[in-house]
Amino acid sequence: MKRVVITFLLLLFCGRAYAANYAKIELRDIQGMFGGQELTLRENGEVITSIVKPFKNRLYEKRYSGRLNFSETVAALDLPLLVRYKETPREGMPDESRPTICVVMKTGTVLNYAKWAEESEEHFDRVYKRLLKLVRSKTGRLVYSGYWSGSSK
């Protein structure tokens, strides 16, 4: 029991210290023909997610807005994995999506990590899957449901 409590306290403390460097985390993964998802997580805990799907020859969006514990969420994402990611420069295939993870530091530095959907890269993919899990949790309340008008970025 002691070991579990100590481990929890260490993770909680380290997570808060770790999250102190970040101002915003974004996932941009909407392909103009097939849809996808977007997520914005701000340091104040505000989270906005969008899920876009084809519907009657157009794209239909459901957007949610809510709050999460920023420190815990950022710690669970394990963002330092992205430092090891090396993008393979190449031309995209027709209709291939290119998910992008954007990390904004408190210093103002913006770090963009992008990968073509047909590629596999363990460091990017781990963080990407964790962000997708957040999107699919549909945190908060539905704030918009209607046709997608284009990327919010």
C-alpha atoms as a PDB file:
ATOM      1  CA  MET A   1       0.000   0.000   0.000  1.00  0.00           C
ATOM      2  CA  LYS A   2       2.814   2.398   0.906  1.00  0.00           C
ATOM      3  CA  ARG A   3       4.500   1.710  -2.414  1.00  0.00           C
ATOM      4  CA  VAL A   4       1.303   2.520  -4.351  1.00  0.00           C
ATOM      5  CA  VAL A   5       0.793   5.798  -2.471  1.00  0.00           C
ATOM      6  CA  ILE A   6       4.416   6.856  -2.983  1.00  0.00           C
ATOM      7  CA  THR A   7       4.252   6.000  -6.698  1.00  0.00           C
ATOM      8  CA  PHE A   8       1.002   7.965  -7.055  1.00  0.00           C
ATOM      9  CA  LEU A   9       2.447  11.014  -5.278  1.00  0.00           C
ATOM     10  CA  LEU A  10       5.596  10.907  -7.421  1.00  0.00           C
ATOM     11  CA  LEU A  11       3.558  10.702 -10.624  1.00  0.00           C
ATOM     12  CA  LEU A  12       1.289  13.511  -9.476  1.00  0.00           C
ATOM     13  CA  PHE A  13       4.190  15.793  -8.507  1.00  0.00           C
ATOM     14  CA  CYS A  14       6.254  14.991 -11.617  1.00  0.00           C
ATOM     15  CA  GLY A  15       3.234  15.424 -13.842  1.00  0.00           C
ATOM     16  CA  ARG A  16       2.593  18.921 -12.503  1.00  0.00           C
ATOM     17  CA  ALA A  17       6.222  19.962 -12.860  1.00  0.00           C
ATOM     18  CA  TYR A  18       6.335  18.462 -16.335  1.00  0.00           C
ATOM     19  CA  ALA A  19       3.127  20.192 -17.475  1.00  0.00           C
ATOM     20  CA  ALA A  20       4.472  23.549 -16.268  1.00  0.00           C
ATOM     21  CA  ASN A  21       6.431  23.862 -19.544  1.00  0.00           C
ATOM     22  CA  TYR A  22       3.414  23.599 -21.863  1.00  0.00           C
ATOM     23  CA  ALA A  23       0.828  26.215 -22.825  1.00  0.00           C
ATOM     24  CA  LYS A  24      -1.237  24.320 -25.407  1.00  0.00           C
ATOM     25  CA  ILE A  25      -1.415  20.919 -27.119  1.00  0.00           C
ATOM     26  CA  GLU A  26      -3.238  20.450 -30.424  1.00  0.00           C
ATOM     27  CA  LEU A  27      -4.067  17.529 -32.656  1.00  0.00           C
ATOM     28  CA  ARG A  28      -4.999  18.400 -36.234  1.00  0.00           C
ATOM     29  CA  ASP A  29      -6.202  15.386 -38.142  1.00  0.00           C
ATOM     30  CA  ILE A  30      -9.041  16.279 -40.491  1.00  0.00           C
ATOM     31  CA  GLN A  31      -8.727  15.206 -44.096  1.00  0.00           C
ATOM     32  CA  GLY A  32     -10.933  17.237 -46.446  1.00  0.00           C
ATOM     33  CA  MET A  33     -12.609  14.239 -48.042  1.00  0.00           C
ATOM     34  CA  PHE A  34     -12.976  11.707 -45.229  1.00  0.00           C
ATOM     35  CA  GLY A  35     -13.072  13.819 -42.071  1.00  0.00           C
ATOM     36  CA  GLY A  36     -11.172  13.067 -38.899  1.00  0.00           C
ATOM     37  CA  GLN A  37     -10.674  14.798 -35.566  1.00  0.00           C
ATOM     38  CA  GLU A  38      -9.163  17.839 -33.889  1.00  0.00           C
ATOM     39  CA  LEU A  39      -8.309  18.553 -30.281  1.00  0.00           C
ATOM     40  CA  THR A  40      -7.109  21.651 -28.460  1.00  0.00           C
ATOM     41  CA  LEU A  41      -6.009  21.419 -24.817  1.00  0.00           C
ATOM     42  CA  ARG A  42      -5.072  24.687 -23.101  1.00  0.00           C
ATOM     43  CA  GLU A  43      -3.118  25.108 -19.877  1.00  0.00           C
ATOM     44  CA  ASN A  44      -6.227  26.408 -18.089  1.00  0.00           C
ATOM     45  CA  GLY A  45      -7.756  22.931 -18.602  1.00  0.00           C
ATOM     46  CA  GLU A  46     -10.103  23.916 -21.409  1.00  0.00           C
ATOM     47  CA  VAL A  47     -10.437  21.153 -24.005  1.00  0.00           C
ATOM     48  CA  ILE A  48     -12.204  21.465 -27.363  1.00  0.00           C
ATOM     49  CA  THR A  49     -12.652  18.403 -29.546  1.00  0.00           C
ATOM     50  CA  SER A  50     -14.144  18.058 -33.010  1.00  0.00           C
ATOM     51  CA  ILE A  51     -15.174  14.868 -34.750  1.00  0.00           C
ATOM     52  CA  VAL A  52     -15.837  15.241 -38.481  1.00  0.00           C
ATOM     53  CA  LYS A  53     -17.487  12.500 -40.569  1.00  0.00           C
ATOM     54  CA  PRO A  54     -18.882  12.238 -44.104  1.00  0.00           C
ATOM     55  CA  PHE A  55     -22.643  12.793 -44.294  1.00  0.00           C
ATOM     56  CA  LYS A  56     -24.738  13.246 -47.452  1.00  0.00           C
ATOM     57  CA  ASN A  57     -21.786  14.169 -49.705  1.00  0.00           C
ATOM     58  CA  ARG A  58     -20.479  16.681 -47.151  1.00  0.00           C
ATOM     59  CA  LEU A  59     -18.596  16.607 -43.888  1.00  0.00           C
ATOM     60  CA  TYR A  60     -20.548  16.834 -40.642  1.00  0.00           C
ATOM     61  CA  GLU A  61     -18.960  18.039 -37.403  1.00  0.00           C
ATOM     62  CA  LYS A  62     -19.730  17.520 -33.736  1.00  0.00           C
ATOM     63  CA  ARG A  63     -17.735  19.806 -31.440  1.00  0.00           C
ATOM     64  CA  TYR A  64     -17.428  19.393 -27.681  1.00  0.00           C
ATOM     65  CA  SER A  65     -16.108  21.769 -25.043  1.00  0.00           C
ATOM     66  CA  GLY A  66     -15.117  20.858 -21.513  1.00  0.00           C
ATOM     67  CA  ARG A  67     -12.406  20.843 -18.863  1.00  0.00           C
ATOM     68  CA  LEU A  68      -9.680  18.413 -17.873  1.00  0.00           C
ATOM     69  CA  ASN A  69      -6.890  18.465 -15.335  1.00  0.00           C
ATOM     70  CA  PHE A  70      -4.110  19.849 -17.546  1.00  0.00           C
ATOM     71  CA  SER A  71      -1.185  18.521 -15.477  1.00  0.00           C
ATOM     72  CA  GLU A  72      -2.511  14.975 -15.293  1.00  0.00           C
ATOM     73  CA  THR A  73      -3.557  14.918 -18.947  1.00  0.00           C
ATOM     74  CA  VAL A  74      -0.214  16.213 -20.224  1.00  0.00           C
ATOM     75  CA  ALA A  75       1.687  13.747 -18.022  1.00  0.00           C
ATOM     76  CA  ALA A  76      -0.405  10.873 -19.452  1.00  0.00           C
ATOM     77  CA  LEU A  77       0.350  11.972 -23.033  1.00  0.00           C
ATOM     78  CA  ASP A  78       4.104  11.454 -22.508  1.00  0.00           C
ATOM     79  CA  LEU A  79       5.027  14.287 -24.904  1.00  0.00           C
ATOM     80  CA  PRO A  80       8.824  13.861 -24.562  1.00  0.00           C
ATOM     81  CA  LEU A  81       8.416  10.821 -26.842  1.00  0.00           C
ATOM     82  CA  LEU A  82       7.951  13.297 -29.691  1.00  0.00           C
ATOM     83  CA  VAL A  83      11.517  14.575 -29.273  1.00  0.00           C
ATOM     84  CA  ARG A  84      12.695  11.211 -30.620  1.00  0.00           C
ATOM     85  CA  TYR A  85      10.386  11.376 -33.638  1.00  0.00           C
ATOM     86  CA  LYS A  86      12.078  11.947 -36.994  1.00  0.00           C
ATOM     87  CA  GLU A  87       9.731  12.700 -39.869  1.00  0.00           C
ATOM     88  CA  THR A  88      10.396  10.925 -43.147  1.00  0.00           C
ATOM     89  CA  PRO A  89      10.141  13.612 -45.833  1.00  0.00           C
ATOM     90  CA  ARG A  90       8.137  12.431 -48.829  1.00  0.00           C
ATOM     91  CA  GLU A  91       5.187  13.339 -51.026  1.00  0.00           C
ATOM     92  CA  GLY A  92       1.790  12.211 -49.786  1.00  0.00           C
ATOM     93  CA  MET A  93      -0.360   9.633 -51.527  1.00  0.00           C
ATOM     94  CA  PRO A  94      -3.673  10.807 -53.058  1.00  0.00           C
ATOM     95  CA  ASP A  95      -6.225  11.445 -50.270  1.00  0.00           C
ATOM     96  CA  GLU A  96      -3.713  10.466 -47.560  1.00  0.00           C
ATOM     97  CA  SER A  97      -4.137  12.322 -44.287  1.00  0.00           C
ATOM     98  CA  ARG A  98      -1.247  13.867 -42.402  1.00  0.00           C
ATOM     99  CA  PRO A  99      -1.952  14.120 -38.672  1.00  0.00           C
ATOM    100  CA  THR A 100      -0.123  16.948 -36.940  1.00  0.00           C
ATOM    101  CA  ILE A 101       0.572  17.333 -33.233  1.00  0.00           C
ATOM    102  CA  CYS A 102       1.317  20.930 -32.291  1.00  0.00           C
ATOM    103  CA  VAL A 103       2.949  21.640 -28.931  1.00  0.00           C
ATOM    104  CA  VAL A 104       3.102  25.264 -27.766  1.00  0.00           C
ATOM    105  CA  MET A 105       5.559  25.927 -24.964  1.00  0.00           C
ATOM    106  CA  LYS A 106       5.103  28.683 -22.380  1.00  0.00           C
ATOM    107  CA  THR A 107       8.159  30.386 -23.878  1.00  0.00           C
ATOM    108  CA  GLY A 108       6.193  30.826 -27.119  1.00  0.00           C
ATOM    109  CA  THR A 109       8.106  28.129 -28.996  1.00  0.00           C
ATOM    110  CA  VAL A 110       5.839  26.120 -31.298  1.00  0.00           C
ATOM    111  CA  LEU A 111       6.812  22.545 -32.110  1.00  0.00           C
ATOM    112  CA  ASN A 112       4.963  20.783 -34.950  1.00  0.00           C
ATOM    113  CA  TYR A 113       5.189  17.043 -35.468  1.00  0.00           C
ATOM    114  CA  ALA A 114       3.500  15.589 -38.563  1.00  0.00           C
ATOM    115  CA  LYS A 115       3.359  12.106 -40.043  1.00  0.00           C
ATOM    116  CA  TRP A 116       1.741  10.648 -43.135  1.00  0.00           C
ATOM    117  CA  ALA A 117      -1.100   8.293 -42.193  1.00  0.00           C
ATOM    118  CA  GLU A 118       0.352   5.334 -44.116  1.00  0.00           C
ATOM    119  CA  GLU A 119       3.580   5.401 -42.099  1.00  0.00           C
ATOM    120  CA  SER A 120       4.198   3.863 -38.720  1.00  0.00           C
ATOM    121  CA  GLU A 121       6.531   5.450 -36.163  1.00  0.00           C
ATOM    122  CA  GLU A 122       6.371   4.295 -32.548  1.00  0.00           C
ATOM    123  CA  HIS A 123       7.118   7.616 -30.790  1.00  0.00           C
ATOM    124  CA  PHE A 124       4.589   9.654 -32.766  1.00  0.00           C
ATOM    125  CA  ASP A 125       2.003   6.862 -32.788  1.00  0.00           C
ATOM    126  CA  ARG A 126       1.978   6.456 -28.997  1.00  0.00           C
ATOM    127  CA  VAL A 127       1.234  10.132 -28.387  1.00  0.00           C
ATOM    128  CA  TYR A 128      -1.223  10.213 -31.319  1.00  0.00           C
ATOM    129  CA  LYS A 129      -3.210   7.247 -29.950  1.00  0.00           C
ATOM    130  CA  ARG A 130      -3.438   8.893 -26.533  1.00  0.00           C
ATOM    131  CA  LEU A 131      -4.720  12.106 -28.119  1.00  0.00           C
ATOM    132  CA  LEU A 132      -7.289  10.120 -30.143  1.00  0.00           C
ATOM    133  CA  LYS A 133      -8.497   8.524 -26.916  1.00  0.00           C
ATOM    134  CA  LEU A 134      -9.081  12.025 -25.511  1.00  0.00           C
ATOM    135  CA  VAL A 135     -11.003  13.048 -28.638  1.00  0.00           C
ATOM    136  CA  ARG A 136     -13.187   9.958 -28.505  1.00  0.00           C
ATOM    137  CA  SER A 137     -14.002  10.550 -24.835  1.00  0.00           C
ATOM    138  CA  LYS A 138     -16.122  13.523 -26.014  1.00  0.00           C
ATOM    139  CA  THR A 139     -15.231  15.461 -22.882  1.00  0.00           C
ATOM    140  CA  GLY A 140     -17.666  18.218 -21.974  1.00  0.00           C
ATOM    141  CA  ARG A 141     -20.863  19.252 -23.644  1.00  0.00           C
ATOM    142  CA  LEU A 142     -21.849  19.351 -27.289  1.00  0.00           C
ATOM    143  CA  VAL A 143     -21.469  22.981 -28.455  1.00  0.00           C
ATOM    144  CA  TYR A 144     -21.910  22.549 -32.216  1.00  0.00           C
ATOM    145  CA  SER A 145     -23.473  19.985 -34.495  1.00  0.00           C
ATOM    146  CA  GLY A 146     -23.644  20.784 -38.206  1.00  0.00           C
ATOM    147  CA  TYR A 147     -21.797  20.883 -41.468  1.00  0.00           C
ATOM    148  CA  TRP A 148     -18.044  21.343 -41.207  1.00  0.00           C
ATOM    149  CA  SER A 149     -16.880  24.673 -42.591  1.00  0.00           C
ATOM    150  CA  GLY A 150     -13.156  23.948 -42.667  1.00  0.00           C
ATOM    151  CA  SER A 151     -10.299  23.656 -40.246  1.00  0.00           C
ATOM    152  CA  SER A 152     -10.544  25.835 -37.152  1.00  0.00           C
ATOM    153  CA  LYS A 153      -6.812  26.621 -37.355  1.00  0.00           C
END
